[in-house]
Amino acid sequence: MSEPKNTVDSIREWLVEHKLRAVGCLWLSGLAGSIAYNWSQPNMKTSVRIIHARLHAQGLTLAALAGAAVVEYYEHKSGAKADKYAKYINIENFSHKD
C-alpha cells in the first residue's frame, strides 16, 4: 500500500511533468501583474509601461527556467528519471558493438 501524497508532493510532481507549461503560466501571470502595477503609476507613458511589464516578465521567466534546470539536474543526479524510463527500454537487445 502506498502512502497518500501531500499537497507539496503532488504540486512538485505536476511541475516536474509540466515544466514548460508552468514557465509559460508564470510568464503570463508575471506580465499581467506587471501591467497592472505599471498602470497604477501616474505620469508614465503607455509605451514605457508596456516595456517595463515585458522586462519584469522576462526576468521572472529566466528565474523560472533556471529553477526548471535545477529540477532537471536533480532528477538526473538522483536517478529518478532513469528509473522512470527504464521499464520502456529493454537493455538486453542493445549492443555496444553496433
PDB file of N, CA and C in Angstrom:
ATOM      1  N   MET A   1       0.834  -1.183   0.000  1.00  0.00           N
ATOM      2  CA  MET A   1       0.000   0.000   0.000  1.00  0.00           C
ATOM      3  C   MET A   1       0.878   1.246   0.000  1.00  0.00           C
ATOM      4  N   SER A   2       0.594   2.161  -0.869  1.00  0.00           N
ATOM      5  CA  SER A   2       1.400   3.381  -0.922  1.00  0.00           C
ATOM      6  C   SER A   2       0.777   4.456  -0.033  1.00  0.00           C
ATOM      7  N   GLU A   3       1.649   5.335   0.420  1.00  0.00           N
ATOM      8  CA  GLU A   3       1.182   6.425   1.270  1.00  0.00           C
ATOM      9  C   GLU A   3       0.481   7.482   0.432  1.00  0.00           C
ATOM     10  N   PRO A   4      -0.541   8.126   0.975  1.00  0.00           N
ATOM     11  CA  PRO A   4      -1.160   9.224   0.238  1.00  0.00           C
ATOM     12  C   PRO A   4      -0.188  10.398   0.129  1.00  0.00           C
ATOM     13  N   LYS A   5      -0.208  11.062  -1.024  1.00  0.00           N
ATOM     14  CA  LYS A   5       0.700  12.186  -1.248  1.00  0.00           C
ATOM     15  C   LYS A   5       0.130  13.441  -0.603  1.00  0.00           C
ATOM     16  N   ASN A   6       1.037  14.233  -0.043  1.00  0.00           N
ATOM     17  CA  ASN A   6       0.575  15.504   0.490  1.00  0.00           C
ATOM     18  C   ASN A   6       0.555  16.539  -0.634  1.00  0.00           C
ATOM     19  N   THR A   7       0.109  17.721  -0.355  1.00  0.00           N
ATOM     20  CA  THR A   7      -0.080  18.751  -1.366  1.00  0.00           C
ATOM     21  C   THR A   7       1.237  19.161  -2.011  1.00  0.00           C
ATOM     22  N   VAL A   8       2.280  19.300  -1.226  1.00  0.00           N
ATOM     23  CA  VAL A   8       3.572  19.732  -1.755  1.00  0.00           C
ATOM     24  C   VAL A   8       4.118  18.698  -2.737  1.00  0.00           C
ATOM     25  N   ASP A   9       4.001  17.412  -2.402  1.00  0.00           N
ATOM     26  CA  ASP A   9       4.484  16.366  -3.299  1.00  0.00           C
ATOM     27  C   ASP A   9       3.703  16.322  -4.601  1.00  0.00           C
ATOM     28  N   SER A  10       2.398  16.498  -4.526  1.00  0.00           N
ATOM     29  CA  SER A  10       1.599  16.466  -5.747  1.00  0.00           C
ATOM     30  C   SER A  10       1.879  17.691  -6.624  1.00  0.00           C
ATOM     31  N   ILE A  11       2.122  18.847  -6.013  1.00  0.00           N
ATOM     32  CA  ILE A  11       2.475  20.042  -6.791  1.00  0.00           C
ATOM     33  C   ILE A  11       3.836  19.866  -7.441  1.00  0.00           C
ATOM     34  N   ARG A  12       4.800  19.324  -6.685  1.00  0.00           N
ATOM     35  CA  ARG A  12       6.135  19.098  -7.230  1.00  0.00           C
ATOM     36  C   ARG A  12       6.087  18.112  -8.394  1.00  0.00           C
ATOM     37  N   GLU A  13       5.308  17.061  -8.248  1.00  0.00           N
ATOM     38  CA  GLU A  13       5.188  16.066  -9.322  1.00  0.00           C
ATOM     39  C   GLU A  13       4.573  16.695 -10.575  1.00  0.00           C
ATOM     40  N   TRP A  14       3.540  17.534 -10.401  1.00  0.00           N
ATOM     41  CA  TRP A  14       2.925  18.194 -11.549  1.00  0.00           C
ATOM     42  C   TRP A  14       3.929  19.127 -12.226  1.00  0.00           C
ATOM     43  N   LEU A  15       4.699  19.868 -11.430  1.00  0.00           N
ATOM     44  CA  LEU A  15       5.688  20.786 -12.005  1.00  0.00           C
ATOM     45  C   LEU A  15       6.782  20.039 -12.767  1.00  0.00           C
ATOM     46  N   VAL A  16       7.175  18.878 -12.265  1.00  0.00           N
ATOM     47  CA  VAL A  16       8.188  18.087 -12.961  1.00  0.00           C
ATOM     48  C   VAL A  16       7.659  17.616 -14.311  1.00  0.00           C
ATOM     49  N   GLU A  17       6.411  17.210 -14.355  1.00  0.00           N
ATOM     50  CA  GLU A  17       5.826  16.711 -15.599  1.00  0.00           C
ATOM     51  C   GLU A  17       5.482  17.826 -16.586  1.00  0.00           C
ATOM     52  N   HIS A  18       5.198  19.022 -16.108  1.00  0.00           N
ATOM     53  CA  HIS A  18       4.736  20.122 -16.967  1.00  0.00           C
ATOM     54  C   HIS A  18       5.605  21.367 -16.789  1.00  0.00           C
ATOM     55  N   LYS A  19       6.910  21.219 -16.966  1.00  0.00           N
ATOM     56  CA  LYS A  19       7.836  22.327 -16.725  1.00  0.00           C
ATOM     57  C   LYS A  19       7.548  23.520 -17.639  1.00  0.00           C
ATOM     58  N   LEU A  20       7.433  23.280 -18.928  1.00  0.00           N
ATOM     59  CA  LEU A  20       7.244  24.388 -19.862  1.00  0.00           C
ATOM     60  C   LEU A  20       5.890  25.061 -19.692  1.00  0.00           C
ATOM     61  N   ARG A  21       4.881  24.289 -19.389  1.00  0.00           N
ATOM     62  CA  ARG A  21       3.561  24.875 -19.146  1.00  0.00           C
ATOM     63  C   ARG A  21       3.602  25.766 -17.903  1.00  0.00           C
ATOM     64  N   ALA A  22       4.321  25.317 -16.880  1.00  0.00           N
ATOM     65  CA  ALA A  22       4.445  26.118 -15.656  1.00  0.00           C
ATOM     66  C   ALA A  22       5.210  27.411 -15.925  1.00  0.00           C
ATOM     67  N   VAL A  23       6.281  27.338 -16.730  1.00  0.00           N
ATOM     68  CA  VAL A  23       7.043  28.541 -17.063  1.00  0.00           C
ATOM     69  C   VAL A  23       6.180  29.499 -17.882  1.00  0.00           C
ATOM     70  N   GLY A  24       5.413  28.987 -18.827  1.00  0.00           N
ATOM     71  CA  GLY A  24       4.528  29.833 -19.632  1.00  0.00           C
ATOM     72  C   GLY A  24       3.454  30.511 -18.788  1.00  0.00           C
ATOM     73  N   CYS A  25       2.868  29.769 -17.873  1.00  0.00           N
ATOM     74  CA  CYS A  25       1.853  30.364 -16.986  1.00  0.00           C
ATOM     75  C   CYS A  25       2.471  31.411 -16.070  1.00  0.00           C
ATOM     76  N   LEU A  26       3.685  31.146 -15.608  1.00  0.00           N
ATOM     77  CA  LEU A  26       4.376  32.115 -14.764  1.00  0.00           C
ATOM     78  C   LEU A  26       4.678  33.387 -15.543  1.00  0.00           C
ATOM     79  N   TRP A  27       5.102  33.233 -16.804  1.00  0.00           N
ATOM     80  CA  TRP A  27       5.383  34.397 -17.653  1.00  0.00           C
ATOM     81  C   TRP A  27       4.114  35.216 -17.863  1.00  0.00           C
ATOM     82  N   LEU A  28       3.015  34.548 -18.195  1.00  0.00           N
ATOM     83  CA  LEU A  28       1.759  35.253 -18.453  1.00  0.00           C
ATOM     84  C   LEU A  28       1.248  35.959 -17.204  1.00  0.00           C
ATOM     85  N   SER A  29       1.310  35.302 -16.067  1.00  0.00           N
ATOM     86  CA  SER A  29       0.845  35.951 -14.840  1.00  0.00           C
ATOM     87  C   SER A  29       1.786  37.077 -14.428  1.00  0.00           C
ATOM     88  N   GLY A  30       3.085  36.916 -14.659  1.00  0.00           N
ATOM     89  CA  GLY A  30       4.031  37.998 -14.373  1.00  0.00           C
ATOM     90  C   GLY A  30       3.791  39.213 -15.250  1.00  0.00           C
ATOM     91  N   LEU A  31       3.517  38.962 -16.523  1.00  0.00           N
ATOM     92  CA  LEU A  31       3.219  40.060 -17.444  1.00  0.00           C
ATOM     93  C   LEU A  31       1.942  40.791 -17.035  1.00  0.00           C
ATOM     94  N   ALA A  32       0.898  40.033 -16.717  1.00  0.00           N
ATOM     95  CA  ALA A  32      -0.369  40.647 -16.309  1.00  0.00           C
ATOM     96  C   ALA A  32      -0.209  41.434 -15.010  1.00  0.00           C
ATOM     97  N   GLY A  33       0.493  40.850 -14.045  1.00  0.00           N
ATOM     98  CA  GLY A  33       0.708  41.550 -12.772  1.00  0.00           C
ATOM     99  C   GLY A  33       1.540  42.806 -12.941  1.00  0.00           C
ATOM    100  N   SER A  34       2.551  42.744 -13.788  1.00  0.00           N
ATOM    101  CA  SER A  34       3.393  43.910 -14.008  1.00  0.00           C
ATOM    102  C   SER A  34       2.640  45.012 -14.741  1.00  0.00           C
ATOM    103  N   ILE A  35       1.815  44.630 -15.711  1.00  0.00           N
ATOM    104  CA  ILE A  35       0.995  45.630 -16.406  1.00  0.00           C
ATOM    105  C   ILE A  35       0.039  46.290 -15.422  1.00  0.00           C
ATOM    106  N   ALA A  36      -0.574  45.494 -14.561  1.00  0.00           N
ATOM    107  CA  ALA A  36      -1.498  46.058 -13.571  1.00  0.00           C
ATOM    108  C   ALA A  36      -0.771  47.015 -12.635  1.00  0.00           C
ATOM    109  N   TYR A  37       0.418  46.652 -12.208  1.00  0.00           N
ATOM    110  CA  TYR A  37       1.190  47.523 -11.326  1.00  0.00           C
ATOM    111  C   TYR A  37       1.602  48.804 -12.048  1.00  0.00           C
ATOM    112  N   ASN A  38       2.107  48.670 -13.261  1.00  0.00           N
ATOM    113  CA  ASN A  38       2.564  49.843 -14.004  1.00  0.00           C
ATOM    114  C   ASN A  38       1.423  50.788 -14.361  1.00  0.00           C
ATOM    115  N   TRP A  39       0.228  50.245 -14.557  1.00  0.00           N
ATOM    116  CA  TRP A  39      -0.898  51.122 -14.880  1.00  0.00           C
ATOM    117  C   TRP A  39      -1.327  51.950 -13.673  1.00  0.00           C
ATOM    118  N   SER A  40      -0.962  51.514 -12.489  1.00  0.00           N
ATOM    119  CA  SER A  40      -1.315  52.289 -11.298  1.00  0.00           C
ATOM    120  C   SER A  40      -0.335  53.441 -11.053  1.00  0.00           C
ATOM    121  N   GLN A  41       0.779  53.446 -11.764  1.00  0.00           N
ATOM    122  CA  GLN A  41       1.776  54.502 -11.612  1.00  0.00           C
ATOM    123  C   GLN A  41       1.387  55.715 -12.469  1.00  0.00           C
ATOM    124  N   PRO A  42       1.249  56.872 -11.871  1.00  0.00           N
ATOM    125  CA  PRO A  42       0.884  58.056 -12.649  1.00  0.00           C
ATOM    126  C   PRO A  42       2.099  58.621 -13.398  1.00  0.00           C
ATOM    127  N   ASN A  43       1.816  59.470 -14.373  1.00  0.00           N
ATOM    128  CA  ASN A  43       2.844  60.196 -15.133  1.00  0.00           C
ATOM    129  C   ASN A  43       3.824  59.272 -15.848  1.00  0.00           C
ATOM    130  N   MET A  44       3.319  58.207 -16.455  1.00  0.00           N
ATOM    131  CA  MET A  44       4.175  57.304 -17.220  1.00  0.00           C
ATOM    132  C   MET A  44       3.498  57.041 -18.560  1.00  0.00           C
ATOM    133  N   LYS A  45       4.285  57.094 -19.630  1.00  0.00           N
ATOM    134  CA  LYS A  45       3.726  56.849 -20.956  1.00  0.00           C
ATOM    135  C   LYS A  45       3.340  55.372 -21.097  1.00  0.00           C
ATOM    136  N   THR A  46       2.369  55.103 -21.957  1.00  0.00           N
ATOM    137  CA  THR A  46       1.898  53.739 -22.177  1.00  0.00           C
ATOM    138  C   THR A  46       3.012  52.844 -22.700  1.00  0.00           C
ATOM    139  N   SER A  47       3.816  53.362 -23.612  1.00  0.00           N
ATOM    140  CA  SER A  47       4.901  52.548 -24.175  1.00  0.00           C
ATOM    141  C   SER A  47       5.906  52.149 -23.085  1.00  0.00           C
ATOM    142  N   VAL A  48       6.186  53.048 -22.159  1.00  0.00           N
ATOM    143  CA  VAL A  48       7.114  52.742 -21.069  1.00  0.00           C
ATOM    144  C   VAL A  48       6.509  51.698 -20.134  1.00  0.00           C
ATOM    145  N   ARG A  49       5.217  51.784 -19.889  1.00  0.00           N
ATOM    146  CA  ARG A  49       4.536  50.793 -19.047  1.00  0.00           C
ATOM    147  C   ARG A  49       4.641  49.400 -19.657  1.00  0.00           C
ATOM    148  N   ILE A  50       4.422  49.302 -20.964  1.00  0.00           N
ATOM    149  CA  ILE A  50       4.475  48.006 -21.642  1.00  0.00           C
ATOM    150  C   ILE A  50       5.901  47.451 -21.632  1.00  0.00           C
ATOM    151  N   ILE A  51       6.884  48.322 -21.867  1.00  0.00           N
ATOM    152  CA  ILE A  51       8.280  47.883 -21.857  1.00  0.00           C
ATOM    153  C   ILE A  51       8.682  47.388 -20.471  1.00  0.00           C
ATOM    154  N   HIS A  52       8.277  48.095 -19.436  1.00  0.00           N
ATOM    155  CA  HIS A  52       8.593  47.668 -18.071  1.00  0.00           C
ATOM    156  C   HIS A  52       7.936  46.328 -17.756  1.00  0.00           C
ATOM    157  N   ALA A  53       6.689  46.154 -18.180  1.00  0.00           N
ATOM    158  CA  ALA A  53       5.984  44.898 -17.929  1.00  0.00           C
ATOM    159  C   ALA A  53       6.687  43.742 -18.640  1.00  0.00           C
ATOM    160  N   ARG A  54       7.129  43.972 -19.864  1.00  0.00           N
ATOM    161  CA  ARG A  54       7.821  42.927 -20.611  1.00  0.00           C
ATOM    162  C   ARG A  54       9.147  42.560 -19.939  1.00  0.00           C
ATOM    163  N   LEU A  55       9.875  43.569 -19.481  1.00  0.00           N
ATOM    164  CA  LEU A  55      11.153  43.301 -18.811  1.00  0.00           C
ATOM    165  C   LEU A  55      10.957  42.528 -17.505  1.00  0.00           C
ATOM    166  N   HIS A  56       9.952  42.889 -16.737  1.00  0.00           N
ATOM    167  CA  HIS A  56       9.666  42.159 -15.499  1.00  0.00           C
ATOM    168  C   HIS A  56       9.296  40.708 -15.798  1.00  0.00           C
ATOM    169  N   ALA A  57       8.469  40.500 -16.825  1.00  0.00           N
ATOM    170  CA  ALA A  57       8.060  39.146 -17.187  1.00  0.00           C
ATOM    171  C   ALA A  57       9.247  38.333 -17.693  1.00  0.00           C
ATOM    172  N   GLN A  58      10.160  38.949 -18.428  1.00  0.00           N
ATOM    173  CA  GLN A  58      11.338  38.236 -18.904  1.00  0.00           C
ATOM    174  C   GLN A  58      12.239  37.813 -17.741  1.00  0.00           C
ATOM    175  N   GLY A  59      12.422  38.685 -16.784  1.00  0.00           N
ATOM    176  CA  GLY A  59      13.227  38.329 -15.618  1.00  0.00           C
ATOM    177  C   GLY A  59      12.616  37.180 -14.839  1.00  0.00           C
ATOM    178  N   LEU A  60      11.307  37.216 -14.677  1.00  0.00           N
ATOM    179  CA  LEU A  60      10.603  36.143 -13.983  1.00  0.00           C
ATOM    180  C   LEU A  60      10.723  34.832 -14.751  1.00  0.00           C
ATOM    181  N   THR A  61      10.649  34.896 -16.079  1.00  0.00           N
ATOM    182  CA  THR A  61      10.780  33.704 -16.907  1.00  0.00           C
ATOM    183  C   THR A  61      12.182  33.110 -16.807  1.00  0.00           C
ATOM    184  N   LEU A  62      13.200  33.955 -16.820  1.00  0.00           N
ATOM    185  CA  LEU A  62      14.569  33.448 -16.669  1.00  0.00           C
ATOM    186  C   LEU A  62      14.752  32.749 -15.325  1.00  0.00           C
ATOM    187  N   ALA A  63      14.176  33.312 -14.289  1.00  0.00           N
ATOM    188  CA  ALA A  63      14.263  32.681 -12.970  1.00  0.00           C
ATOM    189  C   ALA A  63      13.539  31.332 -12.975  1.00  0.00           C
ATOM    190  N   ALA A  64      12.380  31.260 -13.631  1.00  0.00           N
ATOM    191  CA  ALA A  64      11.633  30.003 -13.698  1.00  0.00           C
ATOM    192  C   ALA A  64      12.388  28.960 -14.515  1.00  0.00           C
ATOM    193  N   LEU A  65      13.012  29.364 -15.603  1.00  0.00           N
ATOM    194  CA  LEU A  65      13.796  28.423 -16.410  1.00  0.00           C
ATOM    195  C   LEU A  65      15.008  27.914 -15.634  1.00  0.00           C
ATOM    196  N   ALA A  66      15.631  28.788 -14.877  1.00  0.00           N
ATOM    197  CA  ALA A  66      16.750  28.356 -14.037  1.00  0.00           C
ATOM    198  C   ALA A  66      16.272  27.343 -12.994  1.00  0.00           C
ATOM    199  N   GLY A  67      15.116  27.592 -12.413  1.00  0.00           N
ATOM    200  CA  GLY A  67      14.544  26.638 -11.457  1.00  0.00           C
ATOM    201  C   GLY A  67      14.225  25.302 -12.112  1.00  0.00           C
ATOM    202  N   ALA A  68      13.690  25.331 -13.338  1.00  0.00           N
ATOM    203  CA  ALA A  68      13.400  24.091 -14.060  1.00  0.00           C
ATOM    204  C   ALA A  68      14.683  23.334 -14.368  1.00  0.00           C
ATOM    205  N   ALA A  69      15.752  24.061 -14.686  1.00  0.00           N
ATOM    206  CA  ALA A  69      17.041  23.417 -14.949  1.00  0.00           C
ATOM    207  C   ALA A  69      17.575  22.739 -13.690  1.00  0.00           C
ATOM    208  N   VAL A  70      17.402  23.380 -12.541  1.00  0.00           N
ATOM    209  CA  VAL A  70      17.847  22.783 -11.280  1.00  0.00           C
ATOM    210  C   VAL A  70      17.057  21.510 -10.989  1.00  0.00           C
ATOM    211  N   VAL A  71      15.756  21.544 -11.222  1.00  0.00           N
ATOM    212  CA  VAL A  71      14.921  20.358 -11.006  1.00  0.00           C
ATOM    213  C   VAL A  71      15.357  19.233 -11.940  1.00  0.00           C
ATOM    214  N   GLU A  72      15.605  19.555 -13.208  1.00  0.00           N
ATOM    215  CA  GLU A  72      16.041  18.553 -14.174  1.00  0.00           C
ATOM    216  C   GLU A  72      17.390  17.959 -13.768  1.00  0.00           C
ATOM    217  N   TYR A  73      18.312  18.794 -13.330  1.00  0.00           N
ATOM    218  CA  TYR A  73      19.621  18.330 -12.875  1.00  0.00           C
ATOM    219  C   TYR A  73      19.467  17.390 -11.673  1.00  0.00           C
ATOM    220  N   TYR A  74      18.631  17.772 -10.739  1.00  0.00           N
ATOM    221  CA  TYR A  74      18.403  16.946  -9.550  1.00  0.00           C
ATOM    222  C   TYR A  74      17.819  15.589  -9.936  1.00  0.00           C
ATOM    223  N   GLU A  75      16.879  15.578 -10.892  1.00  0.00           N
ATOM    224  CA  GLU A  75      16.277  14.319 -11.329  1.00  0.00           C
ATOM    225  C   GLU A  75      17.313  13.397 -11.955  1.00  0.00           C
ATOM    226  N   HIS A  76      18.197  13.951 -12.766  1.00  0.00           N
ATOM    227  CA  HIS A  76      19.221  13.121 -13.401  1.00  0.00           C
ATOM    228  C   HIS A  76      20.245  12.619 -12.382  1.00  0.00           C
ATOM    229  N   LYS A  77      20.595  13.460 -11.415  1.00  0.00           N
ATOM    230  CA  LYS A  77      21.554  13.057 -10.394  1.00  0.00           C
ATOM    231  C   LYS A  77      20.973  11.984  -9.469  1.00  0.00           C
ATOM    232  N   SER A  78      19.711  12.108  -9.128  1.00  0.00           N
ATOM    233  CA  SER A  78      19.104  11.161  -8.195  1.00  0.00           C
ATOM    234  C   SER A  78      18.718   9.855  -8.876  1.00  0.00           C
ATOM    235  N   GLY A  79      18.678   9.839 -10.196  1.00  0.00           N
ATOM    236  CA  GLY A  79      18.325   8.622 -10.922  1.00  0.00           C
ATOM    237  C   GLY A  79      16.839   8.433 -11.086  1.00  0.00           C
ATOM    238  N   ALA A  80      16.034   9.388 -10.643  1.00  0.00           N
ATOM    239  CA  ALA A  80      14.582   9.251 -10.752  1.00  0.00           C
ATOM    240  C   ALA A  80      14.140   9.189 -12.205  1.00  0.00           C
ATOM    241  N   LYS A  81      14.773   9.963 -13.059  1.00  0.00           N
ATOM    242  CA  LYS A  81      14.395   9.990 -14.466  1.00  0.00           C
ATOM    243  C   LYS A  81      14.812   8.688 -15.150  1.00  0.00           C
ATOM    244  N   ALA A  82      15.991   8.166 -14.824  1.00  0.00           N
ATOM    245  CA  ALA A  82      16.451   6.919 -15.424  1.00  0.00           C
ATOM    246  C   ALA A  82      15.532   5.767 -15.026  1.00  0.00           C
ATOM    247  N   ASP A  83      15.112   5.737 -13.774  1.00  0.00           N
ATOM    248  CA  ASP A  83      14.209   4.689 -13.317  1.00  0.00           C
ATOM    249  C   ASP A  83      12.843   4.797 -13.981  1.00  0.00           C
ATOM    250  N   LYS A  84      12.429   6.011 -14.284  1.00  0.00           N
ATOM    251  CA  LYS A  84      11.119   6.232 -14.897  1.00  0.00           C
ATOM    252  C   LYS A  84      11.046   5.626 -16.289  1.00  0.00           C
ATOM    253  N   TYR A  85      12.133   5.758 -17.068  1.00  0.00           N
ATOM    254  CA  TYR A  85      12.114   5.298 -18.446  1.00  0.00           C
ATOM    255  C   TYR A  85      12.721   3.916 -18.634  1.00  0.00           C
ATOM    256  N   ALA A  86      13.320   3.350 -17.611  1.00  0.00           N
ATOM    257  CA  ALA A  86      13.973   2.051 -17.725  1.00  0.00           C
ATOM    258  C   ALA A  86      12.983   0.939 -18.072  1.00  0.00           C
ATOM    259  N   LYS A  87      11.758   1.052 -17.622  1.00  0.00           N
ATOM    260  CA  LYS A  87      10.789  -0.013 -17.897  1.00  0.00           C
ATOM    261  C   LYS A  87      10.384  -0.072 -19.367  1.00  0.00           C
ATOM    262  N   TYR A  88      10.631   1.009 -20.131  1.00  0.00           N
ATOM    263  CA  TYR A  88      10.271   1.026 -21.539  1.00  0.00           C
ATOM    264  C   TYR A  88      11.412   0.560 -22.447  1.00  0.00           C
ATOM    265  N   ILE A  89      12.610   0.466 -21.914  1.00  0.00           N
ATOM    266  CA  ILE A  89      13.781   0.108 -22.703  1.00  0.00           C
ATOM    267  C   ILE A  89      14.249  -1.277 -22.285  1.00  0.00           C
ATOM    268  N   ASN A  90      14.390  -2.147 -23.267  1.00  0.00           N
ATOM    269  CA  ASN A  90      14.912  -3.480 -22.998  1.00  0.00           C
ATOM    270  C   ASN A  90      16.407  -3.446 -23.267  1.00  0.00           C
ATOM    271  N   ILE A  91      17.208  -3.357 -22.233  1.00  0.00           N
ATOM    272  CA  ILE A  91      18.656  -3.203 -22.344  1.00  0.00           C
ATOM    273  C   ILE A  91      19.297  -4.422 -22.994  1.00  0.00           C
ATOM    274  N   GLU A  92      18.746  -5.596 -22.820  1.00  0.00           N
ATOM    275  CA  GLU A  92      19.343  -6.809 -23.332  1.00  0.00           C
ATOM    276  C   GLU A  92      19.405  -6.837 -24.852  1.00  0.00           C
ATOM    277  N   ASN A  93      18.529  -6.118 -25.542  1.00  0.00           N
ATOM    278  CA  ASN A  93      18.500  -6.114 -27.011  1.00  0.00           C
ATOM    279  C   ASN A  93      19.513  -5.159 -27.618  1.00  0.00           C
ATOM    280  N   PHE A  94      20.174  -4.342 -26.821  1.00  0.00           N
ATOM    281  CA  PHE A  94      21.106  -3.370 -27.337  1.00  0.00           C
ATOM    282  C   PHE A  94      22.536  -3.865 -27.143  1.00  0.00           C
ATOM    283  N   SER A  95      23.356  -3.604 -28.142  1.00  0.00           N
ATOM    284  CA  SER A  95      24.753  -3.997 -28.077  1.00  0.00           C
ATOM    285  C   SER A  95      25.620  -2.773 -28.316  1.00  0.00           C
ATOM    286  N   HIS A  96      26.696  -2.650 -27.557  1.00  0.00           N
ATOM    287  CA  HIS A  96      27.604  -1.524 -27.732  1.00  0.00           C
ATOM    288  C   HIS A  96      28.477  -1.689 -28.965  1.00  0.00           C
ATOM    289  N   LYS A  97      28.540  -2.879 -29.532  1.00  0.00           N
ATOM    290  CA  LYS A  97      29.369  -3.155 -30.698  1.00  0.00           C
ATOM    291  C   LYS A  97      28.755  -2.614 -31.982  1.00  0.00           C
ATOM    292  N   ASP A  98      27.441  -2.417 -32.007  1.00  0.00           N
ATOM    293  CA  ASP A  98      26.778  -1.955 -33.242  1.00  0.00           C
ATOM    294  C   ASP A  98      27.010  -0.520 -33.530  1.00  0.00           C
TER     295      ASP A  98
END
